[in-house]
Amino acid sequence: MTIAWVQRIPIKSLQKVIDIKCLTCHEDSHNDKFGENCTSCHSQNSFSIKGKLSGFNHDLTGYTLTGRHQDVDCRKCHLETYMTAPLPHDLCKKCHEDYHKGDFSGLADNDCKVCHSTEGFAGSSFDFERHEKTAFPLQGAHLATPCIACHKKDGQNWKFRNIGNKCYQCHDNIHEGYISEKYIPDDNCAFCHSNESWANVTFDHDKTTFSLVGNI
């Protein structure tokens, strides 16, 4: 009868390998930024990350995923390796195409996040108070005018620069052919009308050759 012989290994010899972690053998290339559990992102089959990371805490990267960014596949942004190709993320336009085609270039706050959020690009946070600081403050009936009436005149493309701030650039001169141009210089409706109401007319008839006198 053959008796198997097993060498008894002293417990002290095993103490150094009882608690084996990835970093026991591998260097932490992330400099402790993502913790010590490499298996949360990597596997022993391949150290390369091929698919979407389920459960990865993106807050640890310094860029929290909010809104629709949470549903974007990792590879849509990380086209190269996750570690060696960090992405610039201080400005939206570093990743997104300028939908407005340079309309806001040259401005101090020239980035999508000034008016939009990650919840969706539809809709804007640009309000009346901020419009007051533009070259065309909204007054009177203009406050009730929908944005598209001025900024989307063709019904397709938004435009925010060089759309005009003179009356005639938005309004037709309905008096053309009836009232002499000398009474409406530069087609400036404000000579007779106000922003409050188109019906309020303040025309000075004394400027004509027929002054209105007596009881009216």
C-alpha atoms as a PDB file:
ATOM      1  CA  MET A   1       0.000   0.000   0.000  1.00  0.00           C
ATOM      2  CA  THR A   2       1.359   3.379  -1.056  1.00  0.00           C
ATOM      3  CA  ILE A   3       1.088   6.187   1.450  1.00  0.00           C
ATOM      4  CA  ALA A   4       1.027   9.725   0.045  1.00  0.00           C
ATOM      5  CA  TRP A   5       3.451  11.990   1.814  1.00  0.00           C
ATOM      6  CA  VAL A   6       2.604  15.651   2.150  1.00  0.00           C
ATOM      7  CA  GLN A   7       5.194  18.080   3.309  1.00  0.00           C
ATOM      8  CA  ARG A   8       3.873  20.386   6.002  1.00  0.00           C
ATOM      9  CA  ILE A   9       4.654  23.994   5.068  1.00  0.00           C
ATOM     10  CA  PRO A  10       5.133  26.317   8.021  1.00  0.00           C
ATOM     11  CA  ILE A  11       2.304  28.838   8.420  1.00  0.00           C
ATOM     12  CA  LYS A  12       4.807  31.674   8.620  1.00  0.00           C
ATOM     13  CA  SER A  13       5.858  30.959   5.022  1.00  0.00           C
ATOM     14  CA  LEU A  14       2.300  31.547   3.802  1.00  0.00           C
ATOM     15  CA  GLN A  15       1.645  34.798   5.622  1.00  0.00           C
ATOM     16  CA  LYS A  16       3.018  36.903   2.757  1.00  0.00           C
ATOM     17  CA  VAL A  17       0.651  35.370   0.189  1.00  0.00           C
ATOM     18  CA  ILE A  18      -2.547  34.873   2.188  1.00  0.00           C
ATOM     19  CA  ASP A  19      -4.041  38.275   1.215  1.00  0.00           C
ATOM     20  CA  ILE A  20      -3.187  38.476  -2.461  1.00  0.00           C
ATOM     21  CA  LYS A  21      -4.453  41.532  -4.363  1.00  0.00           C
ATOM     22  CA  CYS A  22      -3.819  42.743  -7.874  1.00  0.00           C
ATOM     23  CA  LEU A  23      -1.386  45.330  -6.588  1.00  0.00           C
ATOM     24  CA  THR A  24       0.599  42.632  -4.809  1.00  0.00           C
ATOM     25  CA  CYS A  25       2.112  41.894  -8.198  1.00  0.00           C
ATOM     26  CA  HIS A  26       1.032  44.752 -10.469  1.00  0.00           C
ATOM     27  CA  GLU A  27       1.978  48.396 -10.349  1.00  0.00           C
ATOM     28  CA  ASP A  28      -0.946  50.806  -9.976  1.00  0.00           C
ATOM     29  CA  SER A  29      -0.768  52.749 -13.236  1.00  0.00           C
ATOM     30  CA  HIS A  30      -3.683  54.916 -12.084  1.00  0.00           C
ATOM     31  CA  ASN A  31      -1.821  56.189  -9.017  1.00  0.00           C
ATOM     32  CA  ASP A  32      -4.554  55.113  -6.573  1.00  0.00           C
ATOM     33  CA  LYS A  33      -7.171  57.230  -8.357  1.00  0.00           C
ATOM     34  CA  PHE A  34      -9.610  54.352  -8.805  1.00  0.00           C
ATOM     35  CA  GLY A  35      -8.847  52.276  -5.732  1.00  0.00           C
ATOM     36  CA  GLU A  36      -7.114  48.914  -5.438  1.00  0.00           C
ATOM     37  CA  ASN A  37      -9.736  46.626  -6.968  1.00  0.00           C
ATOM     38  CA  CYS A  38      -8.490  46.270 -10.551  1.00  0.00           C
ATOM     39  CA  THR A  39     -11.091  43.566 -11.266  1.00  0.00           C
ATOM     40  CA  SER A  40     -13.873  46.166 -11.219  1.00  0.00           C
ATOM     41  CA  CYS A  41     -12.685  47.206 -14.694  1.00  0.00           C
ATOM     42  CA  HIS A  42     -10.210  44.547 -15.852  1.00  0.00           C
ATOM     43  CA  SER A  43     -10.153  40.769 -16.080  1.00  0.00           C
ATOM     44  CA  GLN A  44      -7.420  38.154 -16.176  1.00  0.00           C
ATOM     45  CA  ASN A  45      -8.328  37.239 -19.750  1.00  0.00           C
ATOM     46  CA  SER A  46      -7.297  40.633 -21.091  1.00  0.00           C
ATOM     47  CA  PHE A  47      -6.228  43.754 -19.302  1.00  0.00           C
ATOM     48  CA  SER A  48      -7.656  45.868 -22.129  1.00  0.00           C
ATOM     49  CA  ILE A  49     -11.173  47.222 -21.617  1.00  0.00           C
ATOM     50  CA  LYS A  50     -13.264  46.348 -24.640  1.00  0.00           C
ATOM     51  CA  GLY A  51     -16.874  47.097 -23.711  1.00  0.00           C
ATOM     52  CA  LYS A  52     -18.858  49.475 -21.548  1.00  0.00           C
ATOM     53  CA  LEU A  53     -17.879  49.514 -17.905  1.00  0.00           C
ATOM     54  CA  SER A  54     -20.874  48.553 -15.817  1.00  0.00           C
ATOM     55  CA  GLY A  55     -20.896  50.097 -12.381  1.00  0.00           C
ATOM     56  CA  PHE A  56     -17.785  52.212 -12.917  1.00  0.00           C
ATOM     57  CA  ASN A  57     -17.850  55.304 -10.725  1.00  0.00           C
ATOM     58  CA  HIS A  58     -17.082  58.054 -13.230  1.00  0.00           C
ATOM     59  CA  ASP A  59     -16.996  60.618 -10.408  1.00  0.00           C
ATOM     60  CA  LEU A  60     -13.517  59.349  -9.597  1.00  0.00           C
ATOM     61  CA  THR A  61     -12.242  60.730 -12.898  1.00  0.00           C
ATOM     62  CA  GLY A  62     -13.061  64.322 -11.991  1.00  0.00           C
ATOM     63  CA  TYR A  63     -15.884  64.498 -14.550  1.00  0.00           C
ATOM     64  CA  THR A  64     -19.289  63.458 -13.245  1.00  0.00           C
ATOM     65  CA  LEU A  65     -21.623  62.037 -15.863  1.00  0.00           C
ATOM     66  CA  THR A  66     -25.002  63.767 -15.671  1.00  0.00           C
ATOM     67  CA  GLY A  67     -28.141  63.793 -17.794  1.00  0.00           C
ATOM     68  CA  ARG A  68     -27.807  62.188 -21.199  1.00  0.00           C
ATOM     69  CA  HIS A  69     -24.076  61.688 -20.741  1.00  0.00           C
ATOM     70  CA  GLN A  70     -24.951  58.730 -18.503  1.00  0.00           C
ATOM     71  CA  ASP A  71     -26.371  56.834 -21.481  1.00  0.00           C
ATOM     72  CA  VAL A  72     -23.468  57.465 -23.858  1.00  0.00           C
ATOM     73  CA  ASP A  73     -21.316  54.439 -24.622  1.00  0.00           C
ATOM     74  CA  CYS A  74     -17.786  54.868 -23.255  1.00  0.00           C
ATOM     75  CA  ARG A  75     -16.249  54.331 -26.689  1.00  0.00           C
ATOM     76  CA  LYS A  76     -18.166  57.277 -28.140  1.00  0.00           C
ATOM     77  CA  CYS A  77     -15.843  59.550 -26.163  1.00  0.00           C
ATOM     78  CA  HIS A  78     -12.873  57.321 -25.354  1.00  0.00           C
ATOM     79  CA  LEU A  79     -11.740  56.441 -28.844  1.00  0.00           C
ATOM     80  CA  GLU A  80      -8.304  55.366 -27.643  1.00  0.00           C
ATOM     81  CA  THR A  81      -7.144  53.707 -24.443  1.00  0.00           C
ATOM     82  CA  TYR A  82      -8.856  54.894 -21.277  1.00  0.00           C
ATOM     83  CA  MET A  83      -5.666  55.535 -19.350  1.00  0.00           C
ATOM     84  CA  THR A  84      -3.192  56.924 -21.861  1.00  0.00           C
ATOM     85  CA  ALA A  85      -5.590  59.212 -23.740  1.00  0.00           C
ATOM     86  CA  PRO A  86      -7.321  61.507 -21.235  1.00  0.00           C
ATOM     87  CA  LEU A  87     -10.070  63.674 -22.691  1.00  0.00           C
ATOM     88  CA  PRO A  88     -10.315  67.460 -22.354  1.00  0.00           C
ATOM     89  CA  HIS A  89     -13.642  68.142 -20.686  1.00  0.00           C
ATOM     90  CA  ASP A  90     -13.526  71.742 -19.509  1.00  0.00           C
ATOM     91  CA  LEU A  91     -15.643  72.959 -22.441  1.00  0.00           C
ATOM     92  CA  CYS A  92     -18.577  71.309 -24.227  1.00  0.00           C
ATOM     93  CA  LYS A  93     -17.216  72.369 -27.607  1.00  0.00           C
ATOM     94  CA  LYS A  94     -14.159  70.173 -27.043  1.00  0.00           C
ATOM     95  CA  CYS A  95     -16.491  67.234 -27.822  1.00  0.00           C
ATOM     96  CA  HIS A  96     -19.541  68.770 -29.480  1.00  0.00           C
ATOM     97  CA  GLU A  97     -19.736  70.469 -32.854  1.00  0.00           C
ATOM     98  CA  ASP A  98     -20.689  74.139 -32.774  1.00  0.00           C
ATOM     99  CA  TYR A  99     -24.341  73.980 -33.788  1.00  0.00           C
ATOM    100  CA  HIS A 100     -24.516  77.779 -34.000  1.00  0.00           C
ATOM    101  CA  LYS A 101     -21.687  78.016 -36.535  1.00  0.00           C
ATOM    102  CA  GLY A 102     -19.647  80.635 -34.695  1.00  0.00           C
ATOM    103  CA  ASP A 103     -22.523  82.966 -33.788  1.00  0.00           C
ATOM    104  CA  PHE A 104     -21.123  83.220 -30.266  1.00  0.00           C
ATOM    105  CA  SER A 105     -17.420  83.157 -31.074  1.00  0.00           C
ATOM    106  CA  GLY A 106     -15.457  85.939 -29.432  1.00  0.00           C
ATOM    107  CA  LEU A 107     -17.732  86.076 -26.380  1.00  0.00           C
ATOM    108  CA  ALA A 108     -16.278  85.509 -22.942  1.00  0.00           C
ATOM    109  CA  ASP A 109     -18.843  82.797 -22.125  1.00  0.00           C
ATOM    110  CA  ASN A 110     -18.644  80.974 -25.425  1.00  0.00           C
ATOM    111  CA  ASP A 111     -19.728  77.465 -24.509  1.00  0.00           C
ATOM    112  CA  CYS A 112     -22.874  75.350 -24.768  1.00  0.00           C
ATOM    113  CA  LYS A 113     -23.311  75.094 -20.988  1.00  0.00           C
ATOM    114  CA  VAL A 114     -24.064  78.823 -20.794  1.00  0.00           C
ATOM    115  CA  CYS A 115     -27.518  78.147 -22.259  1.00  0.00           C
ATOM    116  CA  HIS A 116     -27.926  74.360 -22.300  1.00  0.00           C
ATOM    117  CA  SER A 117     -27.616  71.430 -19.907  1.00  0.00           C
ATOM    118  CA  THR A 118     -26.776  67.756 -20.257  1.00  0.00           C
ATOM    119  CA  GLU A 119     -30.490  66.989 -19.954  1.00  0.00           C
ATOM    120  CA  GLY A 120     -30.834  67.905 -23.613  1.00  0.00           C
ATOM    121  CA  PHE A 121     -29.993  70.652 -26.072  1.00  0.00           C
ATOM    122  CA  ALA A 122     -33.655  71.420 -26.781  1.00  0.00           C
ATOM    123  CA  GLY A 123     -34.625  74.519 -24.853  1.00  0.00           C
ATOM    124  CA  SER A 124     -32.399  77.225 -23.467  1.00  0.00           C
ATOM    125  CA  SER A 125     -31.808  78.850 -20.103  1.00  0.00           C
ATOM    126  CA  PHE A 126     -31.251  82.239 -21.765  1.00  0.00           C
ATOM    127  CA  ASP A 127     -33.899  84.472 -20.177  1.00  0.00           C
ATOM    128  CA  PHE A 128     -35.189  88.072 -20.375  1.00  0.00           C
ATOM    129  CA  GLU A 129     -32.757  89.261 -17.737  1.00  0.00           C
ATOM    130  CA  ARG A 130     -29.800  88.090 -19.789  1.00  0.00           C
ATOM    131  CA  HIS A 131     -31.353  89.504 -22.954  1.00  0.00           C
ATOM    132  CA  GLU A 132     -31.265  92.929 -21.287  1.00  0.00           C
ATOM    133  CA  LYS A 133     -27.471  92.811 -21.510  1.00  0.00           C
ATOM    134  CA  THR A 134     -27.470  92.329 -25.275  1.00  0.00           C
ATOM    135  CA  ALA A 135     -27.436  95.038 -27.939  1.00  0.00           C
ATOM    136  CA  PHE A 136     -31.217  94.719 -28.207  1.00  0.00           C
ATOM    137  CA  PRO A 137     -32.980  94.778 -24.794  1.00  0.00           C
ATOM    138  CA  LEU A 138     -36.542  93.487 -25.051  1.00  0.00           C
ATOM    139  CA  GLN A 139     -39.194  96.049 -24.171  1.00  0.00           C
ATOM    140  CA  GLY A 140     -42.951  96.310 -24.383  1.00  0.00           C
ATOM    141  CA  ALA A 141     -44.640  93.940 -26.826  1.00  0.00           C
ATOM    142  CA  HIS A 142     -41.258  92.503 -27.788  1.00  0.00           C
ATOM    143  CA  LEU A 143     -41.282  90.695 -24.452  1.00  0.00           C
ATOM    144  CA  ALA A 144     -44.206  88.609 -25.673  1.00  0.00           C
ATOM    145  CA  THR A 145     -42.625  87.813 -29.022  1.00  0.00           C
ATOM    146  CA  PRO A 146     -41.476  84.161 -29.317  1.00  0.00           C
ATOM    147  CA  CYS A 147     -37.743  83.723 -29.836  1.00  0.00           C
ATOM    148  CA  ILE A 148     -38.236  81.936 -33.164  1.00  0.00           C
ATOM    149  CA  ALA A 149     -39.890  85.031 -34.659  1.00  0.00           C
ATOM    150  CA  CYS A 150     -36.512  86.804 -34.673  1.00  0.00           C
ATOM    151  CA  HIS A 151     -33.938  84.051 -34.303  1.00  0.00           C
ATOM    152  CA  LYS A 152     -35.455  81.407 -36.573  1.00  0.00           C
ATOM    153  CA  LYS A 153     -37.045  83.393 -39.360  1.00  0.00           C
ATOM    154  CA  ASP A 154     -36.565  80.720 -42.000  1.00  0.00           C
ATOM    155  CA  GLY A 155     -38.191  78.140 -39.734  1.00  0.00           C
ATOM    156  CA  GLN A 156     -35.120  75.896 -39.873  1.00  0.00           C
ATOM    157  CA  ASN A 157     -31.912  77.519 -38.638  1.00  0.00           C
ATOM    158  CA  TRP A 158     -31.301  79.430 -35.420  1.00  0.00           C
ATOM    159  CA  LYS A 159     -29.374  82.647 -35.896  1.00  0.00           C
ATOM    160  CA  PHE A 160     -28.198  85.007 -33.172  1.00  0.00           C
ATOM    161  CA  ARG A 161     -25.744  87.353 -34.819  1.00  0.00           C
ATOM    162  CA  ASN A 162     -26.353  90.119 -37.377  1.00  0.00           C
ATOM    163  CA  ILE A 163     -30.109  89.592 -37.447  1.00  0.00           C
ATOM    164  CA  GLY A 164     -30.741  93.332 -37.221  1.00  0.00           C
ATOM    165  CA  ASN A 165     -31.883  95.689 -34.486  1.00  0.00           C
ATOM    166  CA  LYS A 166     -33.663  98.283 -36.616  1.00  0.00           C
ATOM    167  CA  CYS A 167     -37.444  98.304 -37.084  1.00  0.00           C
ATOM    168  CA  TYR A 168     -37.293  97.870 -40.852  1.00  0.00           C
ATOM    169  CA  GLN A 169     -35.028  94.827 -40.514  1.00  0.00           C
ATOM    170  CA  CYS A 170     -37.918  92.893 -38.994  1.00  0.00           C
ATOM    171  CA  HIS A 171     -41.034  94.890 -39.871  1.00  0.00           C
ATOM    172  CA  ASP A 172     -42.391  95.928 -43.268  1.00  0.00           C
ATOM    173  CA  ASN A 173     -43.122  99.606 -43.786  1.00  0.00           C
ATOM    174  CA  ILE A 174     -46.885  99.464 -44.232  1.00  0.00           C
ATOM    175  CA  HIS A 175     -46.927 103.218 -44.900  1.00  0.00           C
ATOM    176  CA  GLU A 176     -44.732 103.020 -47.972  1.00  0.00           C
ATOM    177  CA  GLY A 177     -46.365 104.955 -50.788  1.00  0.00           C
ATOM    178  CA  TYR A 178     -48.768 106.649 -48.396  1.00  0.00           C
ATOM    179  CA  ILE A 179     -46.573 108.621 -46.015  1.00  0.00           C
ATOM    180  CA  SER A 180     -43.552 110.521 -47.252  1.00  0.00           C
ATOM    181  CA  GLU A 181     -40.158 109.118 -46.290  1.00  0.00           C
ATOM    182  CA  LYS A 182     -39.243 112.437 -44.641  1.00  0.00           C
ATOM    183  CA  TYR A 183     -41.732 111.613 -41.863  1.00  0.00           C
ATOM    184  CA  ILE A 184     -40.263 108.156 -41.345  1.00  0.00           C
ATOM    185  CA  PRO A 185     -36.514 108.645 -41.752  1.00  0.00           C
ATOM    186  CA  ASP A 186     -34.553 105.397 -42.045  1.00  0.00           C
ATOM    187  CA  ASP A 187     -37.877 103.545 -41.849  1.00  0.00           C
ATOM    188  CA  ASN A 188     -37.723 104.074 -38.096  1.00  0.00           C
ATOM    189  CA  CYS A 189     -41.153 103.157 -36.756  1.00  0.00           C
ATOM    190  CA  ALA A 190     -40.223 104.670 -33.377  1.00  0.00           C
ATOM    191  CA  PHE A 191     -40.880 108.165 -34.756  1.00  0.00           C
ATOM    192  CA  CYS A 192     -44.575 107.429 -34.382  1.00  0.00           C
ATOM    193  CA  HIS A 193     -44.963 104.109 -32.572  1.00  0.00           C
ATOM    194  CA  SER A 194     -43.678 102.603 -29.340  1.00  0.00           C
ATOM    195  CA  ASN A 195     -42.824  99.119 -28.168  1.00  0.00           C
ATOM    196  CA  GLU A 196     -45.742  99.157 -25.745  1.00  0.00           C
ATOM    197  CA  SER A 197     -48.483  99.181 -28.352  1.00  0.00           C
ATOM    198  CA  TRP A 198     -48.549  99.653 -32.114  1.00  0.00           C
ATOM    199  CA  ALA A 199     -51.858 101.520 -31.784  1.00  0.00           C
ATOM    200  CA  ASN A 200     -50.311 104.342 -29.746  1.00  0.00           C
ATOM    201  CA  VAL A 201     -49.342 106.898 -32.379  1.00  0.00           C
ATOM    202  CA  THR A 202     -47.456 110.067 -31.485  1.00  0.00           C
ATOM    203  CA  PHE A 203     -47.123 111.654 -34.921  1.00  0.00           C
ATOM    204  CA  ASP A 204     -46.421 115.373 -34.810  1.00  0.00           C
ATOM    205  CA  HIS A 205     -48.734 116.796 -37.464  1.00  0.00           C
ATOM    206  CA  ASP A 206     -47.048 120.198 -37.180  1.00  0.00           C
ATOM    207  CA  LYS A 207     -44.194 118.737 -39.217  1.00  0.00           C
ATOM    208  CA  THR A 208     -46.510 118.697 -42.207  1.00  0.00           C
ATOM    209  CA  THR A 209     -47.813 121.728 -44.102  1.00  0.00           C
ATOM    210  CA  PHE A 210     -51.174 121.370 -42.412  1.00  0.00           C
ATOM    211  CA  SER A 211     -51.191 121.936 -38.651  1.00  0.00           C
ATOM    212  CA  LEU A 212     -54.142 120.582 -36.794  1.00  0.00           C
ATOM    213  CA  VAL A 213     -55.804 123.374 -34.850  1.00  0.00           C
ATOM    214  CA  GLY A 214     -59.073 123.946 -33.118  1.00  0.00           C
ATOM    215  CA  ASN A 215     -61.238 121.283 -31.538  1.00  0.00           C
ATOM    216  CA  ILE A 216     -60.479 117.766 -32.619  1.00  0.00           C
END
